Structures are given as structure tokens and as C-alpha cells.
């Protein structure tokens, strides 16, 4: 009776509810491993092996490529569920999911036939800021550069690195309009040097390390222009571009984190001893908790409304509009803002208990780090507001900027 309606645009081989059941089964182990993940600075082998059967890198890839071709609203719920148990496990899963989707969306057929070939188990990680240089050579390119924040890099098999195209003199090449050309290059992870440098406040178990490439060969078909690449498959959905696909992951992660903190502080208040027993009798606490629940649920409802509209547009065979991408950014920001408010409330309400190692402390730290990610920058919300308010209605999104239409 409650089964979702099937539409030919989406895959039929993987039921997201079965994945949710898998997450519920492995979740307690992910939570138990979270302190060890933090101490290791990356997911421990045990945590990674628990996640591996979920095939996060393939959730949004087409069934033709061996992917699940899942609805974004379903992907959001899967990432939400993983994150509820472990912020770091959820973060690595969402990075592999989103970058896998980008590779499956924008690389040419010859590349995806190798990367997603039957029997392969590739995972993708890297950095979307152009911090390297790509030099044209016979048969492909040579890549040199250094990137930060390669989340889940040690558990990936292929890198995804933004870089400038060398104009032949060591300077960034420009297109006919005078804009620099930014490419996204893919190479086997083992051809990079992993540099560490992940001593941080939160999301400690994500292994979001620095990494480098030194004259690494990149096959000619393993690149795409990151600012302007046309989608090669599922052209309606993937017309969201790089930033739209990244938004699925960050949004789902924030959904799981906010929900976990609400559940944790409510359980803490219901307990029968010490400060917690006093908290459970507090009228102010339950009033503030009710407000936090309402704020979080409103933000989550906005997320599902926005992405439900995206799905309907894709099913109707239409490309995504500028305003739809603006709403994706606003929903992503709102679920993070609600999560920050929830975490601040819960941390303050927990008193000394929140200072000590445990779910409240770890969730608080993770949320504060995630809310500082550049994809949640205030300037993005400002641009979305200008678009929706009609001041910049003649512009279009390019990466994280609203620019004049050409």
C-alpha cells in the first residue's frame, strides 16, 4: 500500500528500503567503531568493510553502468541513515556517492566503460577546487598539483581532482570568452602521494587528507570540463551539474546528524539519574526541545519538497532551472543551520556530559566542522536569495556562482 510508484526514469534493481535495512543491521557496529575511526584519523578497516556492500559510489550511476540509478530522495534517506550511526561513516559514504555520480554523469562512454565495467569495484574521492595543472601530451595529459580535503581518499580507487589546463607556457588556458578552463582529472589513487594532515576538531574519522600528483599520466578520456561539462547520461537529472550532485551528499549528511542529536538529547533527558533526571522534569527543556524538533523537521520537509520537485522535472524530460538549483542550495543551507541550532541546544542542555567522549560530543564536533564547508558558504545563500527575489533572475549557476547568461 505504501510502496513508492515506479517510473521508468529510475532504476529497478536496487530497493532503497533494503539498503536501509542493511544500514540498520550494520549501524550499531559503525557506532561502536566511531571512537576508533576518530583515533585512526580515517575509517578503520572494519568500518570500511561494513560500508563496502552498500556500493555508495554506484547509488546514482545508471543501471547500464551497474549502478542503482536511485531517486535523489532515496539517496538522501540512505545517507541520512548511515550518518545517524556515525558522522564519519556517513561523510565518506556521501563523498564516494557524489563523486561516483559525477564520474558516471560527465565522463565519456569509453571512460565509464572501464571505470564501471562489470566486476569492477571502483570508488571515487578527491577535491573540486583547481589546485593543480594539467599539461597536454601525446595520448592524454600530465597532472601535477597538491590538494586538501580528500575525504575517504585512502578507501577510494580513483581520484577526482580539479585543475587548470596548461596553455603551453605554464599558465592557465582560457576559452574564447576569456574564462580559465578548469578540468576534472581521474587517476588511480595509488599514483598519488598521500600527505596526511588531518588533525582536526571534528569529522576526524573521514581521513580528509592532503594528497599530491607529480607528473601523473591521465588518459585523454579521463577528464571533463568541471564548469561546463554537459551530462552524458540521465541528462535531465545530471543537468544539476557538479554542485547539484554534491548537494545531495551534504544535505543527506546534515539530515542524519541533526536527527541523531535530537534523539540523543531526548534519550539523555528521559534517563532517571543525576542531571539527566532533573532535565527530564524541566518545562524549559521540553519547550526548547519541541522548538528544535519543529525547526529540524521543517528544514527536512523543505529538503524533501525541493528534491521531489527535481525528480518530477527529470521524469517529465526537462532540464533543471536556475531557480531549482537555487532552491537546492537553500534547502542544503537550511538543514545545516537547523542542525547547528539543534547541536548547540543539545550540547548546552547536556551540561558536563557533553564535554566527555560520546555521541553528543562527537556529533557536536562533526556538525560544527560540516557547517564550515565551502558548499554552505553564506555567499551561496545570498546569490540564491537574489535569484528567488528577482534581482538576479537573468543569471545562471556556474559552479557556486550566479553569473550573467552568455
Protein backbone atom coordinates (compact mmCIF):
# COMPACT_ATOMS: atom_id res chain seq x y z
CA UNK A 1 0.00 0.00 0.00
CA UNK A 2 2.85 2.36 0.82
CA UNK A 3 5.18 1.19 -1.96
CA UNK A 4 6.54 4.12 -3.99
CA UNK A 5 5.33 4.44 -7.56
CA UNK A 6 7.80 3.18 -10.12
CA UNK A 7 8.85 5.38 -13.00
CA UNK A 8 10.96 4.22 -15.92
CA UNK A 9 13.43 7.04 -15.30
CA UNK A 10 14.72 5.35 -12.14
CA UNK A 11 16.36 2.00 -11.53
CA UNK A 12 14.55 -1.17 -10.55
CA UNK A 13 17.38 -3.45 -9.45
CA UNK A 14 18.06 -1.93 -6.00
CA UNK A 15 15.35 -1.15 -3.45
CA UNK A 16 16.46 1.67 -1.17
CA UNK A 17 14.45 0.14 1.68
CA UNK A 18 16.64 -2.95 1.51
CA UNK A 19 19.67 -0.67 1.83
CA UNK A 20 18.05 0.99 4.85
CA UNK A 21 17.66 -2.48 6.37
CA UNK A 22 21.35 -3.15 5.72
CA UNK A 23 22.29 0.14 7.38
CA UNK A 24 20.14 -0.71 10.41
CA UNK A 25 21.97 -4.04 10.68
CA UNK A 26 25.50 -2.63 10.49
CA UNK A 27 24.69 0.61 12.30
CA UNK A 28 25.43 -0.48 15.88
CA UNK A 29 28.85 -1.72 14.78
CA UNK A 30 29.55 1.57 12.96
CA UNK A 31 28.64 3.46 16.13
CA UNK A 32 30.81 1.21 18.27
CA UNK A 33 33.73 1.74 15.87
CA UNK A 34 33.36 5.53 15.73
CA UNK A 35 35.88 6.28 18.53
CA UNK A 36 38.46 4.03 16.85
CA UNK A 37 37.79 5.73 13.49
CA UNK A 38 38.42 9.11 15.11
CA UNK A 39 41.62 7.87 16.74
CA UNK A 40 42.87 6.45 13.42
CA UNK A 41 42.07 9.65 11.53
CA UNK A 42 40.16 7.59 8.95
CA UNK A 43 37.68 4.77 8.85
CA UNK A 44 39.19 1.63 10.31
CA UNK A 45 39.29 -1.45 8.07
CA UNK A 46 36.33 -2.90 9.99
CA UNK A 47 34.19 0.22 9.44
CA UNK A 48 35.07 0.34 5.76
CA UNK A 49 34.23 -3.33 5.24
CA UNK A 50 30.83 -2.77 6.86
CA UNK A 51 30.07 0.01 4.36
CA UNK A 52 31.53 -1.65 1.30
CA UNK A 53 28.48 -3.79 0.33
CA UNK A 54 26.34 -0.63 0.12
CA UNK A 55 28.32 0.42 -3.00
CA UNK A 56 27.86 4.11 -2.28
CA UNK A 57 29.79 5.16 -5.41
CA UNK A 58 27.13 3.47 -7.55
CA UNK A 59 23.92 4.74 -5.94
CA UNK A 60 23.25 7.38 -8.60
CA UNK A 61 25.04 5.80 -11.55
CA UNK A 62 22.82 4.35 -14.26
CA UNK A 63 21.78 0.71 -14.21
CA UNK A 64 23.52 0.35 -17.57
CA UNK A 65 26.77 1.06 -15.69
CA UNK A 66 25.89 -1.36 -12.90
CA UNK A 67 24.56 1.38 -10.65
CA UNK A 68 21.32 1.68 -8.71
CA UNK A 69 20.01 4.75 -10.62
CA UNK A 70 18.30 5.74 -7.39
CA UNK A 71 15.98 8.68 -6.83
CA UNK A 72 17.69 11.57 -5.02
CA UNK A 73 15.10 11.45 -2.22
CA UNK A 74 16.02 7.80 -1.67
CA UNK A 75 19.74 8.54 -1.72
CA UNK A 76 19.15 11.28 0.86
CA UNK A 77 17.48 8.78 3.17
CA UNK A 78 20.25 6.19 2.80
CA UNK A 79 22.95 8.78 3.60
CA UNK A 80 20.83 10.11 6.47
CA UNK A 81 20.59 6.61 7.92
CA UNK A 82 24.35 5.91 7.74
CA UNK A 83 25.16 9.29 9.27
CA UNK A 84 22.76 8.72 12.18
CA UNK A 85 25.06 5.93 13.34
CA UNK A 86 28.40 7.56 12.52
CA UNK A 87 29.15 11.01 11.18
CA UNK A 88 32.46 9.92 9.67
CA UNK A 89 30.99 6.83 8.02
CA UNK A 90 28.19 8.97 6.61
CA UNK A 91 30.64 11.58 5.32
CA UNK A 92 32.86 9.08 3.49
CA UNK A 93 29.76 7.39 2.05
CA UNK A 94 28.33 10.67 0.78
CA UNK A 95 31.65 11.71 -0.80
CA UNK A 96 32.01 8.38 -2.60
CA UNK A 97 28.34 8.59 -3.65
CA UNK A 98 28.50 12.12 -5.04
CA UNK A 99 31.85 11.87 -6.81
CA UNK A 100 30.82 8.48 -8.20
CA UNK A 101 27.71 10.17 -9.60
CA UNK A 102 29.80 12.97 -11.13
CA UNK A 103 32.12 10.50 -12.83
CA UNK A 104 29.16 8.47 -14.08
CA UNK A 105 27.44 11.62 -15.33
CA UNK A 106 30.15 13.58 -17.14
CA UNK A 107 32.92 11.26 -18.34
CA UNK A 108 32.68 9.93 -21.91
CA UNK A 109 31.49 6.42 -22.71
CA UNK A 110 34.98 4.99 -23.17
CA UNK A 111 35.96 6.07 -19.65
CA UNK A 112 32.86 4.88 -17.81
CA UNK A 113 33.02 1.57 -19.64
CA UNK A 114 36.33 0.99 -17.87
CA UNK A 115 35.54 2.58 -14.52
CA UNK A 116 32.14 0.90 -14.12
CA UNK A 117 32.84 -2.32 -16.01
CA UNK A 118 31.21 -5.48 -14.71
CA UNK A 119 33.32 -6.99 -11.96
CA UNK A 120 35.00 -3.71 -11.00
CA UNK A 121 34.52 -2.10 -7.61
CA UNK A 122 35.74 1.44 -8.01
CA UNK A 123 35.25 4.25 -5.51
CA UNK A 124 35.99 7.91 -6.16
CA UNK A 125 37.40 10.65 -3.96
CA UNK A 126 39.20 13.95 -4.37
CA UNK A 127 38.85 17.72 -4.46
CA UNK A 128 36.84 20.01 -6.69
CA UNK A 129 38.97 23.14 -6.21
CA UNK A 130 41.51 23.67 -9.04
CA UNK A 131 44.82 23.27 -7.23
CA UNK A 132 46.77 21.51 -9.95
CA UNK A 133 47.89 21.91 -13.56
CA UNK A 134 47.05 19.61 -16.46
CA UNK A 135 49.51 19.62 -19.36
CA UNK A 136 48.61 18.15 -22.76
CA UNK A 137 50.88 15.35 -24.03
CA UNK A 138 50.57 12.61 -26.62
CA UNK A 139 47.63 10.37 -25.75
CA UNK A 140 46.45 12.40 -22.79
CA UNK A 141 47.77 14.74 -20.11
CA UNK A 142 50.27 15.05 -17.28
CA UNK A 143 48.89 16.15 -13.91
CA UNK A 144 50.83 17.92 -11.17
CA UNK A 145 49.38 19.51 -8.06
CA UNK A 146 48.53 19.30 -4.38
CA UNK A 147 45.01 19.16 -2.96
CA UNK A 148 43.48 19.19 0.51
CA UNK A 149 40.35 17.59 1.98
CA UNK A 150 40.44 14.33 0.06
CA UNK A 151 37.73 12.72 2.19
CA UNK A 152 37.77 8.93 2.05
CA UNK A 153 40.83 9.05 -0.20
CA UNK A 154 42.57 6.04 1.30
CA UNK A 155 39.43 3.94 0.71
CA UNK A 156 38.98 5.12 -2.89
CA UNK A 157 40.41 3.55 -6.02
CA UNK A 158 40.30 6.59 -8.34
CA UNK A 159 40.99 10.25 -7.72
CA UNK A 160 38.84 13.14 -8.92
CA UNK A 161 40.93 16.33 -8.98
CA UNK A 162 40.13 19.77 -10.34
CA UNK A 163 42.97 21.51 -12.18
CA UNK A 164 43.74 24.24 -14.66
CA UNK A 165 44.57 23.35 -18.23
CA UNK A 166 48.10 24.47 -19.11
CA UNK A 167 48.19 26.84 -22.09
CA UNK A 168 51.66 25.55 -23.03
CA UNK A 169 53.54 28.23 -21.10
CA UNK A 170 52.70 27.03 -17.59
CA UNK A 171 49.76 29.42 -17.25
CA UNK A 172 46.04 28.53 -17.17
CA UNK A 173 44.49 28.28 -20.63
CA UNK A 174 41.40 30.35 -21.42
CA UNK A 175 38.40 29.74 -23.63
CA UNK A 176 37.17 32.03 -26.39
CA UNK A 177 35.28 34.15 -23.85
CA UNK A 178 38.43 34.71 -21.79
CA UNK A 179 37.47 32.34 -18.96
CA UNK A 180 40.05 29.98 -17.49
CA UNK A 181 39.49 26.33 -18.38
CA UNK A 182 39.11 24.09 -15.33
CA UNK A 183 39.23 20.34 -15.86
CA UNK A 184 38.47 17.38 -13.62
CA UNK A 185 41.06 14.61 -13.95
CA UNK A 186 40.82 10.97 -12.86
CA UNK A 187 43.79 8.74 -11.98
CA UNK A 188 44.34 5.61 -9.90
CA UNK A 189 44.71 6.54 -6.23
CA UNK A 190 47.98 4.62 -5.92
CA UNK A 191 49.61 7.03 -8.38
CA UNK A 192 49.24 9.87 -5.87
CA UNK A 193 51.18 10.63 -2.73
CA UNK A 194 49.03 10.70 0.41
CA UNK A 195 50.26 13.53 2.64
CA UNK A 196 48.14 13.18 5.77
CA UNK A 197 47.48 16.47 7.58
CA UNK A 198 44.13 15.62 9.17
CA UNK A 199 44.40 16.75 12.79
CA UNK A 200 41.06 18.45 13.20
CA UNK A 201 38.16 19.31 15.52
CA UNK A 202 35.51 17.05 14.02
CA UNK A 203 34.85 14.52 11.27
CA UNK A 204 38.11 13.03 12.45
CA UNK A 205 37.41 9.58 11.04
CA UNK A 206 36.89 10.76 7.46
CA UNK A 207 40.59 10.73 6.50
CA UNK A 208 40.14 14.00 4.59
CA UNK A 209 43.84 14.19 3.87
CA UNK A 210 46.08 16.27 1.61
CA UNK A 211 47.29 14.43 -1.48
CA UNK A 212 49.58 15.23 -4.39
CA UNK A 213 50.25 14.28 -8.00
CA UNK A 214 53.66 14.62 -9.63
CA UNK A 215 53.60 14.32 -13.41
CA UNK A 216 50.88 11.63 -13.29
CA UNK A 217 49.66 10.47 -16.71
CA UNK A 218 45.93 10.99 -17.31
CA UNK A 219 44.29 9.23 -20.25
CA UNK A 220 42.61 11.59 -22.69
CA UNK A 221 39.11 10.33 -21.90
CA UNK A 222 39.56 10.56 -18.12
CA UNK A 223 38.88 14.30 -17.95
CA UNK A 224 35.91 16.61 -18.30
CA UNK A 225 35.50 20.41 -18.04
CA UNK A 226 34.24 20.86 -14.49
CA UNK A 227 32.49 24.20 -15.04
CA UNK A 228 30.68 23.41 -18.25
CA UNK A 229 30.54 19.65 -18.82
CA UNK A 230 27.28 18.53 -20.46
CA UNK A 231 25.82 15.38 -18.88
CA UNK A 232 26.42 12.28 -20.97
CA UNK A 233 23.59 10.20 -19.46
CA UNK A 234 20.46 10.88 -17.37
CA UNK A 235 20.76 14.30 -18.93
CA UNK A 236 17.75 15.78 -17.12
CA UNK A 237 18.82 14.86 -13.57
CA UNK A 238 22.51 15.45 -14.16
CA UNK A 239 21.80 18.90 -15.61
CA UNK A 240 22.08 19.85 -11.93
CA UNK A 241 25.82 19.83 -12.56
CA UNK A 242 28.67 19.17 -10.14
CA UNK A 243 27.24 21.37 -7.39
CA UNK A 244 23.79 19.85 -7.55
CA UNK A 245 25.16 16.34 -7.18
CA UNK A 246 27.41 17.43 -4.32
CA UNK A 247 24.36 18.95 -2.62
CA UNK A 248 22.67 15.54 -2.39
CA UNK A 249 25.51 14.26 -0.20
CA UNK A 250 25.96 17.25 2.07
CA UNK A 251 22.22 17.56 2.57
CA UNK A 252 21.71 13.89 3.44
CA UNK A 253 24.61 14.04 5.89
CA UNK A 254 23.13 17.04 7.71
CA UNK A 255 19.74 15.32 7.89
CA UNK A 256 21.28 12.36 9.71
CA UNK A 257 23.36 14.47 12.09
CA UNK A 258 20.50 16.71 13.21
CA UNK A 259 18.21 13.74 13.75
CA UNK A 260 20.83 11.88 15.80
CA UNK A 261 21.45 14.81 18.11
CA UNK A 262 17.72 15.29 18.74
CA UNK A 263 17.32 11.60 19.53
CA UNK A 264 20.39 11.59 21.76
CA UNK A 265 19.43 14.59 23.90
CA UNK A 266 15.85 13.33 24.29
CA UNK A 267 17.14 9.98 25.50
CA UNK A 268 19.52 11.71 27.84
CA UNK A 269 16.70 13.79 29.34
CA UNK A 270 14.47 10.72 29.82
CA UNK A 271 17.07 8.86 31.82
CA UNK A 272 16.49 8.56 35.54
CA UNK A 273 19.73 9.55 37.25
CA UNK A 274 21.79 12.63 38.03
CA UNK A 275 21.43 15.78 35.98
CA UNK A 276 19.52 13.92 33.31
CA UNK A 277 16.70 13.15 35.73
CA UNK A 278 16.44 16.84 36.61
CA UNK A 279 16.50 17.78 32.93
CA UNK A 280 13.59 15.47 32.20
CA UNK A 281 11.41 17.46 34.64
CA UNK A 282 12.33 20.83 33.15
CA UNK A 283 9.49 22.69 31.39
CA UNK A 284 12.03 24.90 29.64
CA UNK A 285 14.00 21.94 28.31
CA UNK A 286 10.97 20.30 26.73
CA UNK A 287 9.80 23.63 25.32
CA UNK A 288 13.21 24.21 23.72
CA UNK A 289 13.32 20.61 22.55
CA UNK A 290 9.93 21.00 20.89
CA UNK A 291 11.14 24.11 19.08
CA UNK A 292 14.30 22.28 17.96
CA UNK A 293 12.21 19.36 16.65
CA UNK A 294 9.97 21.74 14.74
CA UNK A 295 12.92 23.59 13.21
CA UNK A 296 14.67 20.40 12.14
CA UNK A 297 11.51 18.80 10.74
CA UNK A 298 10.64 21.95 8.80
CA UNK A 299 14.11 22.02 7.23
CA UNK A 300 13.93 18.32 6.38
CA UNK A 301 10.48 18.77 4.84
CA UNK A 302 11.87 21.57 2.67
CA UNK A 303 14.67 19.26 1.53
CA UNK A 304 12.24 16.53 0.51
CA UNK A 305 9.95 19.03 -1.24
CA UNK A 306 12.82 20.52 -3.25
CA UNK A 307 14.24 17.17 -4.29
CA UNK A 308 10.78 15.77 -5.03
CA UNK A 309 10.36 18.63 -7.49
CA UNK A 310 13.75 17.79 -9.01
CA UNK A 311 12.62 14.19 -9.52
CA UNK A 312 9.34 15.25 -11.14
CA UNK A 313 11.20 17.54 -13.52
CA UNK A 314 13.59 14.75 -14.54
CA UNK A 315 10.68 12.34 -15.07
CA UNK A 316 8.99 14.93 -17.29
CA UNK A 317 12.10 15.07 -19.50
CA UNK A 318 13.05 18.64 -18.63
CA UNK A 319 16.36 20.23 -17.64
CA UNK A 320 16.70 21.82 -14.22
CA UNK A 321 16.04 25.55 -13.97
CA UNK A 322 18.21 28.16 -12.28
CA UNK A 323 15.57 28.61 -9.59
CA UNK A 324 15.50 24.87 -8.86
CA UNK A 325 19.26 24.91 -8.29
CA UNK A 326 18.82 27.98 -6.06
CA UNK A 327 16.30 26.02 -4.01
CA UNK A 328 18.72 23.08 -3.77
CA UNK A 329 21.26 25.46 -2.25
CA UNK A 330 18.72 26.98 0.15
CA UNK A 331 17.48 23.59 1.35
CA UNK A 332 21.06 22.42 1.84
CA UNK A 333 21.88 25.52 3.87
CA UNK A 334 18.67 25.35 5.92
CA UNK A 335 19.18 21.75 7.04
CA UNK A 336 22.71 22.66 8.14
CA UNK A 337 21.53 25.76 10.01
CA UNK A 338 18.85 23.71 11.74
CA UNK A 339 21.49 21.11 12.60
CA UNK A 340 23.80 23.73 14.09
CA UNK A 341 20.96 25.09 16.22
CA UNK A 342 19.99 21.59 17.37
CA UNK A 343 23.58 20.75 18.27
CA UNK A 344 24.11 23.98 20.18
CA UNK A 345 20.89 23.41 22.11
CA UNK A 346 21.71 19.78 22.91
CA UNK A 347 25.31 20.48 23.87
CA UNK A 348 24.29 23.26 26.27
CA UNK A 349 21.43 21.22 27.71
CA UNK A 350 23.65 18.18 28.32
CA UNK A 351 25.91 20.11 30.72
CA UNK A 352 29.07 18.29 31.70
CA UNK A 353 28.01 15.12 29.92
CA UNK A 354 28.53 16.82 26.57
CA UNK A 355 32.14 17.55 27.45
CA UNK A 356 33.06 13.91 27.66
CA UNK A 357 33.71 11.40 24.89
CA UNK A 358 30.48 10.09 23.50
CA UNK A 359 27.79 10.62 20.89
CA UNK A 360 26.79 14.13 21.99
CA UNK A 361 30.34 15.45 21.93
CA UNK A 362 31.26 13.73 18.67
CA UNK A 363 28.06 14.78 16.89
CA UNK A 364 28.51 18.38 18.04
CA UNK A 365 32.09 18.49 16.74
CA UNK A 366 31.16 16.89 13.44
CA UNK A 367 28.29 19.32 12.83
CA UNK A 368 30.42 22.38 13.54
CA UNK A 369 33.03 21.22 11.02
CA UNK A 370 30.44 20.38 8.34
CA UNK A 371 28.76 23.77 8.72
CA UNK A 372 32.06 25.46 7.79
CA UNK A 373 32.32 23.60 4.47
CA UNK A 374 32.60 25.93 1.48
CA UNK A 375 29.47 24.42 -0.07
CA UNK A 376 27.48 26.04 2.78
CA UNK A 377 29.05 29.50 2.34
CA UNK A 378 26.78 32.49 3.08
CA UNK A 379 27.58 33.93 -0.36
CA UNK A 380 25.80 30.99 -1.98
CA UNK A 381 22.64 31.64 0.03
CA UNK A 382 22.89 35.35 -0.82
CA UNK A 383 23.04 34.56 -4.54
CA UNK A 384 20.12 32.15 -4.26
CA UNK A 385 18.15 34.83 -2.44
CA UNK A 386 18.87 37.37 -5.17
CA UNK A 387 17.70 34.87 -7.78
CA UNK A 388 14.49 33.92 -5.99
CA UNK A 389 13.81 37.56 -5.12
CA UNK A 390 14.00 38.55 -8.77
CA UNK A 391 17.13 40.72 -8.62
CA UNK A 392 19.34 38.23 -10.46
CA UNK A 393 16.69 36.34 -12.40
CA UNK A 394 18.66 36.83 -15.61
CA UNK A 395 21.66 34.84 -14.34
CA UNK A 396 22.61 31.18 -14.30
CA UNK A 397 24.56 28.98 -11.90
CA UNK A 398 28.14 28.07 -12.78
CA UNK A 399 29.73 26.02 -10.05
CA UNK A 400 28.90 28.02 -6.86
CA UNK A 401 28.40 31.41 -8.56
CA UNK A 402 25.44 33.02 -10.28
CA UNK A 403 26.86 34.52 -13.47
CA UNK A 404 25.44 36.55 -16.35
CA UNK A 405 23.99 34.38 -19.09
CA UNK A 406 26.18 34.27 -22.17
